[in-house]
């Protein structure tokens, strides 16, 4: 038979899990509302991306537009979007990394 002290530990564990879930939801909301910028070609193309990885805007300097060379422009756009996504992933790691580590550190949880 388990002593009566076993039940409060489960309650505390559930409270910790609920707090982590709330913290995770708040961090995800913050990421969705935060924007980062990626650029390419020395700033000729700039991509604005949310911390959740959603492309929000794209600015192309007229100097980057050459009707005879659309491949370079396409490469600059891809590079700017990738740069923005990399910045978004870094932001995600900063915001969500500590929370994910906390989930793995909870006793009895299979993470």
Protein backbone atom coordinates (compact mmCIF):
# COMPACT_ATOMS: atom_id res chain seq x y z
CA UNK A 1 0.00 0.00 0.00
CA UNK A 2 1.25 3.48 -0.87
CA UNK A 3 1.41 6.02 1.96
CA UNK A 4 -0.99 8.97 1.75
CA UNK A 5 1.87 11.23 0.62
CA UNK A 6 1.78 9.82 -2.95
CA UNK A 7 -1.30 11.77 -4.07
CA UNK A 8 0.05 15.33 -3.54
CA UNK A 9 3.07 14.50 -5.72
CA UNK A 10 0.74 13.58 -8.61
CA UNK A 11 -1.23 16.80 -8.10
CA UNK A 12 1.98 18.82 -8.11
CA UNK A 13 3.14 17.02 -11.25
CA UNK A 14 -0.15 17.81 -13.00
CA UNK A 15 0.11 21.47 -11.97
CA UNK A 16 3.67 21.64 -13.37
CA UNK A 17 2.52 20.08 -16.64
CA UNK A 18 -0.38 22.54 -16.91
CA UNK A 19 1.95 25.49 -16.25
CA UNK A 20 4.37 24.26 -18.92
CA UNK A 21 1.50 23.87 -21.36
CA UNK A 22 0.39 27.45 -20.66
CA UNK A 23 3.96 28.71 -21.03
CA UNK A 24 4.32 26.84 -24.32
CA UNK A 25 1.07 28.30 -25.67
CA UNK A 26 2.17 31.81 -24.65
CA UNK A 27 5.57 31.34 -26.32
CA UNK A 28 3.93 30.08 -29.52
CA UNK A 29 1.60 33.09 -29.56
CA UNK A 30 4.56 35.42 -29.05
CA UNK A 31 6.39 33.74 -31.94
CA UNK A 32 3.37 34.18 -34.21
CA UNK A 33 3.30 37.90 -33.41
CA UNK A 34 7.05 38.55 -33.65
CA UNK A 35 8.69 39.24 -37.00
CA UNK A 36 12.28 38.81 -38.11
CA UNK A 37 13.94 39.85 -41.34
CA UNK A 38 16.14 38.01 -43.76
CA UNK A 39 18.01 39.61 -46.63
CA UNK A 40 20.13 38.80 -49.63
CA UNK A 41 22.24 40.66 -52.16
CA UNK A 42 23.41 43.20 -49.63
CA UNK A 43 19.82 44.14 -48.81
CA UNK A 44 18.49 44.17 -52.38
CA UNK A 45 15.85 41.63 -51.34
CA UNK A 46 14.35 41.53 -47.84
CA UNK A 47 11.92 38.97 -46.47
CA UNK A 48 9.86 39.49 -43.33
CA UNK A 49 8.97 36.24 -41.55
CA UNK A 50 7.09 35.61 -38.31
CA UNK A 51 8.79 33.72 -35.53
CA UNK A 52 6.46 30.85 -36.45
CA UNK A 53 7.99 30.77 -39.95
CA UNK A 54 5.20 32.44 -41.95
CA UNK A 55 6.36 34.74 -44.77
CA UNK A 56 4.73 38.13 -44.14
CA UNK A 57 6.40 40.42 -46.65
CA UNK A 58 8.92 40.69 -49.43
CA UNK A 59 10.68 43.87 -50.54
CA UNK A 60 12.68 43.93 -53.77
CA UNK A 61 14.91 46.90 -54.51
CA UNK A 62 14.42 48.04 -58.12
CA UNK A 63 18.18 47.65 -58.61
CA UNK A 64 17.76 43.90 -58.24
CA UNK A 65 15.35 43.71 -61.18
CA UNK A 66 16.98 42.89 -64.51
CA UNK A 67 14.47 41.65 -67.12
CA UNK A 68 17.30 39.80 -68.84
CA UNK A 69 18.31 37.94 -65.66
CA UNK A 70 15.29 36.79 -63.68
CA UNK A 71 17.20 33.76 -62.39
CA UNK A 72 19.42 35.94 -60.21
CA UNK A 73 16.37 37.72 -58.81
CA UNK A 74 14.74 34.37 -58.04
CA UNK A 75 17.94 33.24 -56.30
CA UNK A 76 17.99 36.45 -54.23
CA UNK A 77 14.35 35.95 -53.22
CA UNK A 78 15.02 32.35 -52.18
CA UNK A 79 18.11 33.39 -50.24
CA UNK A 80 16.24 36.17 -48.43
CA UNK A 81 13.37 33.86 -47.49
CA UNK A 82 15.80 31.17 -46.29
CA UNK A 83 17.66 33.78 -44.26
CA UNK A 84 14.38 34.92 -42.71
CA UNK A 85 13.40 31.33 -41.93
CA UNK A 86 16.78 30.73 -40.31
CA UNK A 87 16.23 33.78 -38.11
CA UNK A 88 12.74 32.50 -37.25
CA UNK A 89 14.14 29.08 -36.29
CA UNK A 90 16.74 30.72 -34.08
CA UNK A 91 13.99 32.72 -32.38
CA UNK A 92 11.95 29.53 -31.94
CA UNK A 93 14.92 27.83 -30.30
CA UNK A 94 15.35 30.76 -27.92
CA UNK A 95 11.67 30.81 -26.96
CA UNK A 96 10.76 27.11 -27.06
CA UNK A 97 14.09 25.43 -26.26
CA UNK A 98 13.93 26.00 -22.49
CA UNK A 99 10.30 24.82 -22.44
CA UNK A 100 11.13 21.62 -24.31
CA UNK A 101 13.99 20.94 -21.90
CA UNK A 102 11.57 21.42 -19.01
CA UNK A 103 9.22 18.81 -20.45
CA UNK A 104 12.05 16.31 -20.68
CA UNK A 105 13.04 16.97 -17.09
CA UNK A 106 9.69 16.08 -15.54
CA UNK A 107 9.85 12.81 -13.63
CA UNK A 108 7.56 10.14 -14.98
CA UNK A 109 7.07 11.85 -18.35
CA UNK A 110 8.14 9.89 -21.46
CA UNK A 111 9.87 12.77 -23.31
